[in-house]
Amino acid sequence: MPKTVTLRLEDDIYKLFLDASRIENRSIANLITTFALHQVEEFFFTDEFETEEILTNHKLLKRLNQGRQDAALRKGSFVE
């Protein structure tokens, strides 16, 4: 079931979204939803080609696994 989210925007930012939505011939809500979803997918997930590249890179997988094990054992230090 869809959820409603309230978003407070400064006037200048609202105008940017309004102008962009008019250019795209869509509602502001649809524009923000589409852009936000795209950013989340780009930032948090990989596409099939990236996934394939990661899964076939045995050196990378070995290092990731070692890092996971070290983190579980609390080995190493946090670097800012």
N, C-alpha and C. Protein backbone atom coordinates (compact mmCIF):
# COMPACT_ATOMS: atom_id res chain seq x y z
N MET A 1 0.85 -1.17 0.00
CA MET A 1 0.00 0.00 0.00
C MET A 1 0.90 1.25 0.00
N PRO A 2 0.62 2.19 -0.86
CA PRO A 2 1.45 3.41 -0.93
C PRO A 2 1.43 4.18 0.38
N LYS A 3 2.54 4.84 0.67
CA LYS A 3 2.68 5.66 1.87
C LYS A 3 2.85 7.11 1.45
N THR A 4 2.39 8.02 2.31
CA THR A 4 2.55 9.44 2.08
C THR A 4 3.72 9.95 2.90
N VAL A 5 4.58 10.73 2.26
CA VAL A 5 5.72 11.32 2.93
C VAL A 5 5.65 12.83 2.73
N THR A 6 5.83 13.58 3.80
CA THR A 6 5.84 15.03 3.70
C THR A 6 7.27 15.50 3.56
N LEU A 7 7.52 16.39 2.63
CA LEU A 7 8.86 16.89 2.35
C LEU A 7 8.83 18.40 2.35
N ARG A 8 9.68 19.01 3.17
CA ARG A 8 9.75 20.47 3.23
C ARG A 8 10.91 20.93 2.34
N LEU A 9 10.60 21.81 1.39
CA LEU A 9 11.61 22.33 0.47
C LEU A 9 11.67 23.84 0.55
N GLU A 10 12.87 24.38 0.48
CA GLU A 10 13.02 25.82 0.37
C GLU A 10 12.42 26.26 -0.96
N ASP A 11 12.00 27.53 -1.05
CA ASP A 11 11.34 28.02 -2.26
C ASP A 11 12.17 27.82 -3.52
N ASP A 12 13.48 28.09 -3.45
CA ASP A 12 14.31 27.97 -4.65
C ASP A 12 14.45 26.51 -5.09
N ILE A 13 14.51 25.60 -4.13
CA ILE A 13 14.60 24.17 -4.48
C ILE A 13 13.27 23.69 -5.04
N TYR A 14 12.16 24.14 -4.44
CA TYR A 14 10.84 23.77 -4.95
C TYR A 14 10.70 24.23 -6.41
N LYS A 15 11.17 25.44 -6.70
CA LYS A 15 11.06 25.96 -8.07
C LYS A 15 11.87 25.09 -9.04
N LEU A 16 13.04 24.63 -8.60
CA LEU A 16 13.83 23.75 -9.47
C LEU A 16 13.07 22.47 -9.78
N PHE A 17 12.47 21.87 -8.74
CA PHE A 17 11.68 20.65 -8.96
C PHE A 17 10.46 20.92 -9.82
N LEU A 18 9.81 22.05 -9.59
CA LEU A 18 8.63 22.41 -10.37
C LEU A 18 9.00 22.58 -11.85
N ASP A 19 10.08 23.32 -12.11
CA ASP A 19 10.53 23.52 -13.50
C ASP A 19 10.89 22.19 -14.15
N ALA A 20 11.63 21.35 -13.43
CA ALA A 20 12.02 20.05 -13.98
C ALA A 20 10.80 19.18 -14.25
N SER A 21 9.83 19.20 -13.35
CA SER A 21 8.64 18.38 -13.54
C SER A 21 7.83 18.85 -14.75
N ARG A 22 7.80 20.15 -14.97
CA ARG A 22 7.09 20.67 -16.16
C ARG A 22 7.80 20.25 -17.44
N ILE A 23 9.13 20.32 -17.43
CA ILE A 23 9.91 19.90 -18.60
C ILE A 23 9.66 18.43 -18.90
N GLU A 24 9.62 17.61 -17.84
CA GLU A 24 9.41 16.17 -17.99
C GLU A 24 7.94 15.79 -18.16
N ASN A 25 7.04 16.78 -18.03
CA ASN A 25 5.60 16.56 -18.15
C ASN A 25 5.12 15.50 -17.15
N ARG A 26 5.51 15.70 -15.89
CA ARG A 26 5.08 14.80 -14.81
C ARG A 26 4.86 15.61 -13.55
N SER A 27 4.27 14.98 -12.55
CA SER A 27 4.04 15.68 -11.29
C SER A 27 5.36 15.79 -10.51
N ILE A 28 5.39 16.73 -9.58
CA ILE A 28 6.58 16.88 -8.74
C ILE A 28 6.80 15.60 -7.93
N ALA A 29 5.73 15.03 -7.40
CA ALA A 29 5.84 13.80 -6.61
C ALA A 29 6.46 12.68 -7.44
N ASN A 30 6.00 12.54 -8.68
CA ASN A 30 6.54 11.50 -9.55
C ASN A 30 8.00 11.76 -9.88
N LEU A 31 8.35 13.01 -10.13
CA LEU A 31 9.73 13.37 -10.44
C LEU A 31 10.64 13.05 -9.26
N ILE A 32 10.25 13.46 -8.06
CA ILE A 32 11.07 13.21 -6.87
C ILE A 32 11.18 11.71 -6.60
N THR A 33 10.08 10.99 -6.72
CA THR A 33 10.10 9.54 -6.51
C THR A 33 11.05 8.86 -7.50
N THR A 34 10.94 9.23 -8.77
CA THR A 34 11.77 8.62 -9.80
C THR A 34 13.24 8.93 -9.58
N PHE A 35 13.56 10.19 -9.30
CA PHE A 35 14.96 10.57 -9.06
C PHE A 35 15.52 9.91 -7.81
N ALA A 36 14.74 9.89 -6.73
CA ALA A 36 15.20 9.29 -5.48
C ALA A 36 15.43 7.79 -5.65
N LEU A 37 14.51 7.12 -6.31
CA LEU A 37 14.65 5.68 -6.56
C LEU A 37 15.90 5.40 -7.39
N HIS A 38 16.13 6.20 -8.40
CA HIS A 38 17.32 6.03 -9.25
C HIS A 38 18.60 6.17 -8.41
N GLN A 39 18.64 7.19 -7.55
CA GLN A 39 19.82 7.42 -6.72
C GLN A 39 20.05 6.26 -5.75
N VAL A 40 18.99 5.76 -5.14
CA VAL A 40 19.11 4.64 -4.21
C VAL A 40 19.63 3.40 -4.94
N GLU A 41 19.07 3.11 -6.11
CA GLU A 41 19.51 1.95 -6.88
C GLU A 41 20.97 2.10 -7.31
N GLU A 42 21.37 3.29 -7.72
CA GLU A 42 22.75 3.52 -8.16
C GLU A 42 23.73 3.42 -6.99
N PHE A 43 23.34 3.90 -5.82
CA PHE A 43 24.25 3.97 -4.68
C PHE A 43 24.34 2.65 -3.91
N PHE A 44 23.21 1.97 -3.73
CA PHE A 44 23.18 0.80 -2.86
C PHE A 44 23.23 -0.55 -3.56
N PHE A 45 22.96 -0.60 -4.85
CA PHE A 45 22.87 -1.88 -5.54
C PHE A 45 23.77 -1.90 -6.77
N THR A 46 24.11 -3.11 -7.20
CA THR A 46 24.90 -3.27 -8.42
C THR A 46 24.01 -3.83 -9.52
N ASP A 47 24.40 -3.56 -10.76
CA ASP A 47 23.66 -4.16 -11.86
C ASP A 47 24.24 -5.54 -12.15
N GLU A 48 23.66 -6.26 -13.08
CA GLU A 48 24.07 -7.64 -13.36
C GLU A 48 25.52 -7.72 -13.83
N PHE A 49 26.01 -6.71 -14.54
CA PHE A 49 27.38 -6.74 -15.04
C PHE A 49 28.38 -6.51 -13.91
N GLU A 50 28.07 -5.58 -13.01
CA GLU A 50 28.94 -5.34 -11.86
C GLU A 50 28.97 -6.57 -10.95
N THR A 51 27.81 -7.17 -10.74
CA THR A 51 27.72 -8.36 -9.90
C THR A 51 28.57 -9.48 -10.49
N GLU A 52 28.47 -9.70 -11.78
CA GLU A 52 29.25 -10.74 -12.46
C GLU A 52 30.74 -10.47 -12.31
N GLU A 53 31.14 -9.21 -12.48
CA GLU A 53 32.55 -8.85 -12.34
C GLU A 53 33.05 -9.10 -10.92
N ILE A 54 32.25 -8.77 -9.93
CA ILE A 54 32.63 -8.99 -8.54
C ILE A 54 32.75 -10.48 -8.25
N LEU A 55 31.77 -11.26 -8.69
CA LEU A 55 31.75 -12.69 -8.38
C LEU A 55 32.84 -13.48 -9.08
N THR A 56 33.38 -12.95 -10.16
CA THR A 56 34.46 -13.65 -10.87
C THR A 56 35.84 -13.16 -10.48
N ASN A 57 35.91 -12.15 -9.62
CA ASN A 57 37.20 -11.62 -9.17
C ASN A 57 37.56 -12.31 -7.85
N HIS A 58 38.29 -13.43 -7.97
CA HIS A 58 38.58 -14.26 -6.80
C HIS A 58 39.49 -13.55 -5.80
N LYS A 59 40.40 -12.72 -6.27
CA LYS A 59 41.27 -11.97 -5.36
C LYS A 59 40.43 -11.00 -4.51
N LEU A 60 39.50 -10.31 -5.15
CA LEU A 60 38.62 -9.39 -4.42
C LEU A 60 37.76 -10.14 -3.42
N LEU A 61 37.18 -11.26 -3.83
CA LEU A 61 36.32 -12.04 -2.94
C LEU A 61 37.10 -12.54 -1.72
N LYS A 62 38.34 -12.95 -1.94
CA LYS A 62 39.18 -13.42 -0.84
C LYS A 62 39.43 -12.28 0.15
N ARG A 63 39.74 -11.10 -0.37
CA ARG A 63 39.99 -9.95 0.50
C ARG A 63 38.73 -9.51 1.24
N LEU A 64 37.57 -9.54 0.56
CA LEU A 64 36.31 -9.20 1.21
C LEU A 64 35.98 -10.18 2.33
N ASN A 65 36.19 -11.46 2.06
CA ASN A 65 35.92 -12.48 3.06
C ASN A 65 36.85 -12.31 4.27
N GLN A 66 38.12 -12.03 4.02
CA GLN A 66 39.07 -11.81 5.10
C GLN A 66 38.67 -10.58 5.93
N GLY A 67 38.24 -9.53 5.25
CA GLY A 67 37.79 -8.33 5.94
C GLY A 67 36.56 -8.59 6.79
N ARG A 68 35.65 -9.39 6.27
CA ARG A 68 34.44 -9.75 7.03
C ARG A 68 34.82 -10.54 8.28
N GLN A 69 35.74 -11.49 8.12
CA GLN A 69 36.19 -12.28 9.26
C GLN A 69 36.90 -11.41 10.30
N ASP A 70 37.77 -10.52 9.82
CA ASP A 70 38.47 -9.61 10.74
C ASP A 70 37.49 -8.72 11.49
N ALA A 71 36.48 -8.24 10.81
CA ALA A 71 35.48 -7.38 11.46
C ALA A 71 34.71 -8.17 12.52
N ALA A 72 34.37 -9.42 12.21
CA ALA A 72 33.65 -10.25 13.17
C ALA A 72 34.48 -10.49 14.42
N LEU A 73 35.79 -10.59 14.23
CA LEU A 73 36.70 -10.81 15.36
C LEU A 73 37.18 -9.50 15.98
N ARG A 74 36.67 -8.40 15.45
CA ARG A 74 37.04 -7.06 15.90
C ARG A 74 38.54 -6.80 15.77
N LYS A 75 39.11 -7.35 14.70
CA LYS A 75 40.53 -7.11 14.41
C LYS A 75 40.64 -5.84 13.57
N GLY A 76 41.74 -5.14 13.73
CA GLY A 76 41.96 -3.93 12.95
C GLY A 76 41.49 -2.71 13.70
N SER A 77 41.50 -1.60 12.99
CA SER A 77 41.07 -0.34 13.60
C SER A 77 40.22 0.44 12.61
N PHE A 78 39.39 1.30 13.16
CA PHE A 78 38.53 2.14 12.34
C PHE A 78 39.32 3.32 11.81
N VAL A 79 39.23 3.57 10.52
CA VAL A 79 39.94 4.68 9.88
C VAL A 79 38.90 5.69 9.42
N GLU A 80 39.08 6.93 9.84
CA GLU A 80 38.13 7.97 9.43
C GLU A 80 38.59 8.66 8.19
